C-alpha cells in the first residue's frame, strides 16, 4: 500500500472548499483490498486532478465499511475530475470491490482542536 503514517491534513471552514464523504460497504474479507485500491487510485490518479486538496481513507473496525474523506477546492473541480477517463477507470475498480457507495458533498461548518 502507498499509505504514509505522518501526513497531516488541515480541515478548513472556507465556504468555497467542498468535502466528499463517501461511505463504502464491503464484505469483511475485501476491506483490505478496497482500502488498497482507494489508496492506490488516490496516490496515482486523484492527487493529480486540478483542485484536489487531500484525501483520508478510514477503515471501520468491524471491517464492513470504508470511508473516504476527500477535500476539493471547488465543486467544479470535483465535477471535472469525474469526466477524466483515468478517474472513471479507478471508480469502476473501486465499485467492483464495494457492495455499495454513498457519496455526499459537504461543507465544513466547524472545526475543533484540543
N, C-alpha and C. Protein backbone atom coordinates (compact mmCIF):
# COMPACT_ATOMS: atom_id res chain seq x y z
N UNK A 1 0.82 -1.17 0.00
CA UNK A 1 0.00 0.00 0.00
C UNK A 1 0.88 1.25 0.00
N UNK A 2 0.32 2.34 -0.47
CA UNK A 2 1.03 3.60 -0.62
C UNK A 2 0.95 4.45 0.64
N UNK A 3 0.13 4.09 1.59
CA UNK A 3 -0.16 4.93 2.75
C UNK A 3 1.10 5.43 3.45
N UNK A 4 1.03 6.66 3.97
CA UNK A 4 2.09 7.20 4.79
C UNK A 4 1.52 7.51 6.16
N UNK A 5 2.33 7.35 7.18
CA UNK A 5 1.84 7.45 8.54
C UNK A 5 1.92 8.85 9.13
N UNK A 6 2.67 9.76 8.53
CA UNK A 6 2.92 11.04 9.19
C UNK A 6 2.35 12.24 8.45
N UNK A 7 1.44 12.05 7.54
CA UNK A 7 0.84 13.18 6.85
C UNK A 7 -0.23 13.83 7.72
N UNK A 8 -0.32 15.15 7.62
CA UNK A 8 -1.33 15.89 8.36
C UNK A 8 -2.19 16.66 7.37
N UNK A 9 -3.48 16.66 7.59
CA UNK A 9 -4.42 17.35 6.73
C UNK A 9 -5.06 18.47 7.55
N UNK A 10 -5.16 19.64 6.96
CA UNK A 10 -5.83 20.75 7.61
C UNK A 10 -7.27 20.79 7.11
N UNK A 11 -8.20 20.82 8.02
CA UNK A 11 -9.61 20.92 7.66
C UNK A 11 -10.02 22.37 7.85
N UNK A 12 -10.56 22.97 6.80
CA UNK A 12 -10.88 24.38 6.81
C UNK A 12 -12.39 24.59 6.67
N UNK A 13 -12.88 25.64 7.30
CA UNK A 13 -14.29 26.02 7.16
C UNK A 13 -14.49 27.02 6.02
N UNK A 14 -13.49 27.19 5.17
CA UNK A 14 -13.61 28.07 3.99
C UNK A 14 -14.84 27.62 3.20
N UNK A 15 -15.82 28.50 3.00
CA UNK A 15 -17.07 28.10 2.33
C UNK A 15 -16.89 27.72 0.86
N UNK A 16 -15.76 28.07 0.26
CA UNK A 16 -15.54 27.71 -1.14
C UNK A 16 -15.05 26.27 -1.30
N UNK A 17 -14.48 25.70 -0.24
CA UNK A 17 -13.99 24.32 -0.31
C UNK A 17 -15.15 23.35 -0.15
N UNK A 18 -15.01 22.19 -0.76
CA UNK A 18 -16.03 21.16 -0.57
C UNK A 18 -15.35 19.87 -0.11
N UNK A 19 -16.14 19.06 0.54
CA UNK A 19 -15.65 17.78 1.03
C UNK A 19 -16.58 16.69 0.52
N UNK A 20 -15.98 15.68 -0.10
CA UNK A 20 -16.73 14.49 -0.50
C UNK A 20 -16.51 13.45 0.60
N UNK A 21 -17.59 13.03 1.22
CA UNK A 21 -17.52 11.91 2.15
C UNK A 21 -18.28 10.77 1.49
N UNK A 22 -17.54 9.69 1.26
CA UNK A 22 -18.11 8.53 0.58
C UNK A 22 -17.98 7.33 1.50
N UNK A 23 -19.12 6.75 1.86
CA UNK A 23 -19.12 5.56 2.71
C UNK A 23 -19.37 4.35 1.82
N UNK A 24 -18.39 3.47 1.78
CA UNK A 24 -18.49 2.23 1.02
C UNK A 24 -18.78 1.08 1.97
N UNK A 25 -19.67 0.19 1.58
CA UNK A 25 -19.84 -1.06 2.32
C UNK A 25 -19.14 -2.14 1.53
N UNK A 26 -18.64 -3.14 2.25
CA UNK A 26 -17.89 -4.21 1.60
C UNK A 26 -17.94 -5.47 2.46
N UNK A 27 -17.68 -6.61 1.85
CA UNK A 27 -17.56 -7.82 2.66
C UNK A 27 -16.32 -7.69 3.56
N UNK A 28 -16.39 -8.25 4.75
CA UNK A 28 -15.25 -8.19 5.67
C UNK A 28 -13.97 -8.67 5.00
N UNK A 29 -14.09 -9.70 4.20
CA UNK A 29 -12.91 -10.30 3.57
C UNK A 29 -12.28 -9.41 2.50
N UNK A 30 -12.97 -8.35 2.07
CA UNK A 30 -12.45 -7.49 0.99
C UNK A 30 -12.12 -6.07 1.45
N UNK A 31 -12.26 -5.79 2.76
CA UNK A 31 -11.98 -4.43 3.21
C UNK A 31 -10.54 -4.01 2.89
N UNK A 32 -9.58 -4.86 3.16
CA UNK A 32 -8.18 -4.53 2.87
C UNK A 32 -7.95 -4.25 1.40
N UNK A 33 -8.57 -5.02 0.54
CA UNK A 33 -8.46 -4.81 -0.90
C UNK A 33 -9.08 -3.47 -1.31
N UNK A 34 -10.22 -3.14 -0.71
CA UNK A 34 -10.88 -1.87 -1.02
C UNK A 34 -10.02 -0.70 -0.56
N UNK A 35 -9.47 -0.77 0.64
CA UNK A 35 -8.59 0.28 1.15
C UNK A 35 -7.38 0.44 0.22
N UNK A 36 -6.77 -0.67 -0.15
CA UNK A 36 -5.59 -0.62 -1.03
C UNK A 36 -5.92 -0.02 -2.39
N UNK A 37 -7.08 -0.35 -2.92
CA UNK A 37 -7.48 0.17 -4.23
C UNK A 37 -7.76 1.67 -4.15
N UNK A 38 -8.45 2.11 -3.10
CA UNK A 38 -8.68 3.54 -2.90
C UNK A 38 -7.36 4.28 -2.70
N UNK A 39 -6.48 3.71 -1.92
CA UNK A 39 -5.18 4.33 -1.65
C UNK A 39 -4.37 4.48 -2.93
N UNK A 40 -4.30 3.43 -3.71
CA UNK A 40 -3.55 3.46 -4.97
C UNK A 40 -4.17 4.46 -5.96
N UNK A 41 -5.48 4.43 -6.10
CA UNK A 41 -6.17 5.36 -7.02
C UNK A 41 -5.92 6.81 -6.60
N UNK A 42 -5.95 7.06 -5.30
CA UNK A 42 -5.72 8.41 -4.81
C UNK A 42 -4.29 8.85 -5.10
N UNK A 43 -3.33 8.01 -4.75
CA UNK A 43 -1.91 8.36 -4.92
C UNK A 43 -1.51 8.49 -6.39
N UNK A 44 -2.09 7.67 -7.24
CA UNK A 44 -1.65 7.64 -8.64
C UNK A 44 -2.49 8.52 -9.57
N UNK A 45 -3.76 8.78 -9.22
CA UNK A 45 -4.64 9.49 -10.15
C UNK A 45 -5.29 10.73 -9.52
N UNK A 46 -5.99 10.55 -8.41
CA UNK A 46 -6.78 11.65 -7.86
C UNK A 46 -5.93 12.85 -7.45
N UNK A 47 -4.75 12.61 -6.85
CA UNK A 47 -3.92 13.75 -6.40
C UNK A 47 -3.47 14.65 -7.54
N UNK A 48 -3.52 14.16 -8.76
CA UNK A 48 -3.06 14.93 -9.92
C UNK A 48 -4.18 15.72 -10.58
N UNK A 49 -5.40 15.63 -10.04
CA UNK A 49 -6.53 16.34 -10.64
C UNK A 49 -6.55 17.79 -10.14
N UNK A 50 -6.81 18.75 -11.04
CA UNK A 50 -6.90 20.15 -10.62
C UNK A 50 -7.95 20.32 -9.51
N UNK A 51 -7.57 21.06 -8.48
CA UNK A 51 -8.49 21.34 -7.38
C UNK A 51 -8.47 20.31 -6.26
N UNK A 52 -7.80 19.19 -6.47
CA UNK A 52 -7.70 18.19 -5.40
C UNK A 52 -6.85 18.76 -4.27
N UNK A 53 -7.31 18.61 -3.03
CA UNK A 53 -6.56 19.11 -1.88
C UNK A 53 -5.99 17.97 -1.06
N UNK A 54 -6.85 17.05 -0.63
CA UNK A 54 -6.37 15.96 0.22
C UNK A 54 -7.42 14.85 0.27
N UNK A 55 -6.97 13.70 0.74
CA UNK A 55 -7.89 12.58 0.96
C UNK A 55 -7.43 11.79 2.18
N UNK A 56 -8.40 11.31 2.92
CA UNK A 56 -8.15 10.42 4.05
C UNK A 56 -9.03 9.20 3.86
N UNK A 57 -8.47 8.03 4.11
CA UNK A 57 -9.21 6.78 3.94
C UNK A 57 -9.31 6.12 5.31
N UNK A 58 -10.52 5.78 5.70
CA UNK A 58 -10.79 5.22 7.02
C UNK A 58 -11.41 3.83 6.87
N UNK A 59 -10.93 2.88 7.66
CA UNK A 59 -11.47 1.52 7.65
C UNK A 59 -12.20 1.26 8.97
N UNK A 60 -13.44 0.83 8.90
CA UNK A 60 -14.20 0.56 10.13
C UNK A 60 -13.63 -0.66 10.84
N UNK A 61 -13.71 -0.63 12.15
CA UNK A 61 -13.16 -1.73 12.93
C UNK A 61 -13.92 -3.02 12.73
N UNK A 62 -15.17 -2.94 12.30
CA UNK A 62 -15.93 -4.17 12.04
C UNK A 62 -15.66 -4.72 10.64
N UNK A 63 -14.79 -4.05 9.89
CA UNK A 63 -14.31 -4.47 8.57
C UNK A 63 -15.40 -4.47 7.49
N UNK A 64 -16.54 -3.81 7.71
CA UNK A 64 -17.62 -3.82 6.72
C UNK A 64 -17.79 -2.50 5.99
N UNK A 65 -17.00 -1.49 6.37
CA UNK A 65 -17.12 -0.18 5.72
C UNK A 65 -15.75 0.45 5.54
N UNK A 66 -15.69 1.28 4.51
CA UNK A 66 -14.51 2.12 4.27
C UNK A 66 -15.06 3.51 3.97
N UNK A 67 -14.48 4.51 4.61
CA UNK A 67 -14.93 5.88 4.41
C UNK A 67 -13.79 6.66 3.75
N UNK A 68 -14.14 7.36 2.69
CA UNK A 68 -13.18 8.23 2.01
C UNK A 68 -13.61 9.67 2.25
N UNK A 69 -12.68 10.48 2.78
CA UNK A 69 -12.93 11.89 3.08
C UNK A 69 -11.99 12.67 2.17
N UNK A 70 -12.54 13.32 1.15
CA UNK A 70 -11.73 13.98 0.13
C UNK A 70 -12.10 15.45 0.04
N UNK A 71 -11.09 16.31 0.08
CA UNK A 71 -11.31 17.75 0.00
C UNK A 71 -10.95 18.26 -1.39
N UNK A 72 -11.79 19.17 -1.90
CA UNK A 72 -11.61 19.76 -3.22
C UNK A 72 -11.73 21.28 -3.11
N UNK A 73 -11.04 21.98 -3.98
CA UNK A 73 -11.06 23.45 -3.97
C UNK A 73 -12.44 23.99 -4.33
N UNK A 74 -13.10 23.35 -5.31
CA UNK A 74 -14.40 23.85 -5.78
C UNK A 74 -15.23 22.69 -6.28
N UNK A 75 -16.52 22.85 -6.29
CA UNK A 75 -17.43 21.84 -6.83
C UNK A 75 -17.07 21.57 -8.30
N UNK A 76 -16.74 22.63 -9.03
CA UNK A 76 -16.41 22.49 -10.46
C UNK A 76 -15.20 21.58 -10.67
N UNK A 77 -14.21 21.65 -9.76
CA UNK A 77 -13.04 20.79 -9.86
C UNK A 77 -13.43 19.33 -9.63
N UNK A 78 -14.26 19.10 -8.63
CA UNK A 78 -14.75 17.75 -8.37
C UNK A 78 -15.51 17.21 -9.57
N UNK A 79 -16.41 18.02 -10.11
CA UNK A 79 -17.21 17.59 -11.27
C UNK A 79 -16.31 17.30 -12.48
N UNK A 80 -15.32 18.15 -12.72
CA UNK A 80 -14.42 17.96 -13.86
C UNK A 80 -13.62 16.67 -13.71
N UNK A 81 -13.20 16.35 -12.49
CA UNK A 81 -12.43 15.12 -12.27
C UNK A 81 -13.25 13.89 -12.66
N UNK A 82 -14.54 13.95 -12.43
CA UNK A 82 -15.40 12.81 -12.77
C UNK A 82 -15.47 12.51 -14.25
N UNK A 83 -15.08 13.47 -15.09
CA UNK A 83 -15.10 13.27 -16.54
C UNK A 83 -13.77 12.76 -17.08
N UNK A 84 -12.76 12.65 -16.22
CA UNK A 84 -11.43 12.20 -16.65
C UNK A 84 -11.43 10.68 -16.77
N UNK A 85 -11.04 10.13 -17.93
CA UNK A 85 -11.07 8.67 -18.12
C UNK A 85 -10.32 7.88 -17.05
N UNK A 86 -9.16 8.36 -16.62
CA UNK A 86 -8.39 7.63 -15.59
C UNK A 86 -9.15 7.60 -14.27
N UNK A 87 -9.84 8.67 -13.94
CA UNK A 87 -10.66 8.71 -12.72
C UNK A 87 -11.82 7.75 -12.87
N UNK A 88 -12.48 7.75 -14.02
CA UNK A 88 -13.60 6.84 -14.25
C UNK A 88 -13.16 5.38 -14.12
N UNK A 89 -11.97 5.07 -14.61
CA UNK A 89 -11.43 3.71 -14.51
C UNK A 89 -11.20 3.33 -13.04
N UNK A 90 -10.63 4.25 -12.27
CA UNK A 90 -10.41 4.00 -10.84
C UNK A 90 -11.73 3.77 -10.11
N UNK A 91 -12.70 4.62 -10.40
CA UNK A 91 -14.01 4.49 -9.75
C UNK A 91 -14.63 3.13 -10.09
N UNK A 92 -14.50 2.69 -11.32
CA UNK A 92 -15.04 1.38 -11.71
C UNK A 92 -14.35 0.26 -10.92
N UNK A 93 -13.04 0.35 -10.74
CA UNK A 93 -12.31 -0.66 -9.96
C UNK A 93 -12.77 -0.68 -8.51
N UNK A 94 -12.97 0.50 -7.94
CA UNK A 94 -13.41 0.62 -6.56
C UNK A 94 -14.82 0.03 -6.40
N UNK A 95 -15.71 0.37 -7.32
CA UNK A 95 -17.09 -0.10 -7.23
C UNK A 95 -17.21 -1.60 -7.53
N UNK A 96 -16.22 -2.18 -8.18
CA UNK A 96 -16.22 -3.62 -8.42
C UNK A 96 -15.92 -4.39 -7.12
N UNK A 97 -15.31 -3.72 -6.15
CA UNK A 97 -15.00 -4.34 -4.86
C UNK A 97 -16.09 -4.04 -3.84
N UNK A 98 -16.54 -2.80 -3.80
CA UNK A 98 -17.53 -2.38 -2.81
C UNK A 98 -18.90 -2.97 -3.14
N UNK A 99 -19.66 -3.25 -2.10
CA UNK A 99 -21.05 -3.67 -2.29
C UNK A 99 -21.94 -2.48 -2.59
N UNK A 100 -21.60 -1.33 -1.98
CA UNK A 100 -22.36 -0.11 -2.23
C UNK A 100 -21.48 1.09 -1.90
N UNK A 101 -21.90 2.24 -2.42
CA UNK A 101 -21.22 3.50 -2.15
C UNK A 101 -22.28 4.56 -1.88
N UNK A 102 -21.99 5.46 -0.95
CA UNK A 102 -22.92 6.54 -0.62
C UNK A 102 -22.14 7.85 -0.59
N UNK A 103 -21.85 8.44 -1.78
CA UNK A 103 -21.09 9.68 -1.84
C UNK A 103 -21.98 10.89 -1.60
N UNK A 104 -21.50 11.82 -0.78
CA UNK A 104 -22.23 13.07 -0.50
C UNK A 104 -21.23 14.22 -0.42
N UNK A 105 -21.59 15.35 -1.03
CA UNK A 105 -20.76 16.55 -0.94
C UNK A 105 -21.18 17.34 0.30
N UNK A 106 -20.18 17.90 1.00
CA UNK A 106 -20.41 18.64 2.24
C UNK A 106 -19.60 19.93 2.26
N UNK A 107 -20.02 20.83 3.14
CA UNK A 107 -19.21 21.99 3.51
C UNK A 107 -18.87 21.82 4.99
N UNK A 108 -17.62 22.06 5.33
CA UNK A 108 -17.21 22.00 6.73
C UNK A 108 -17.73 23.27 7.41
N UNK A 109 -18.46 23.12 8.48
CA UNK A 109 -19.05 24.26 9.17
C UNK A 109 -18.35 24.59 10.49
N UNK A 110 -17.69 23.60 11.10
CA UNK A 110 -16.99 23.86 12.34
C UNK A 110 -15.83 22.88 12.48
N UNK A 111 -14.75 23.35 13.08
CA UNK A 111 -13.58 22.51 13.36
C UNK A 111 -13.14 22.84 14.79
N UNK A 112 -12.87 21.81 15.57
CA UNK A 112 -12.43 22.00 16.95
C UNK A 112 -11.15 21.20 17.15
N UNK A 113 -10.22 21.77 17.89
CA UNK A 113 -8.96 21.10 18.19
C UNK A 113 -8.68 21.21 19.68
N UNK A 114 -8.01 20.22 20.21
CA UNK A 114 -7.60 20.27 21.63
C UNK A 114 -6.37 21.13 21.78
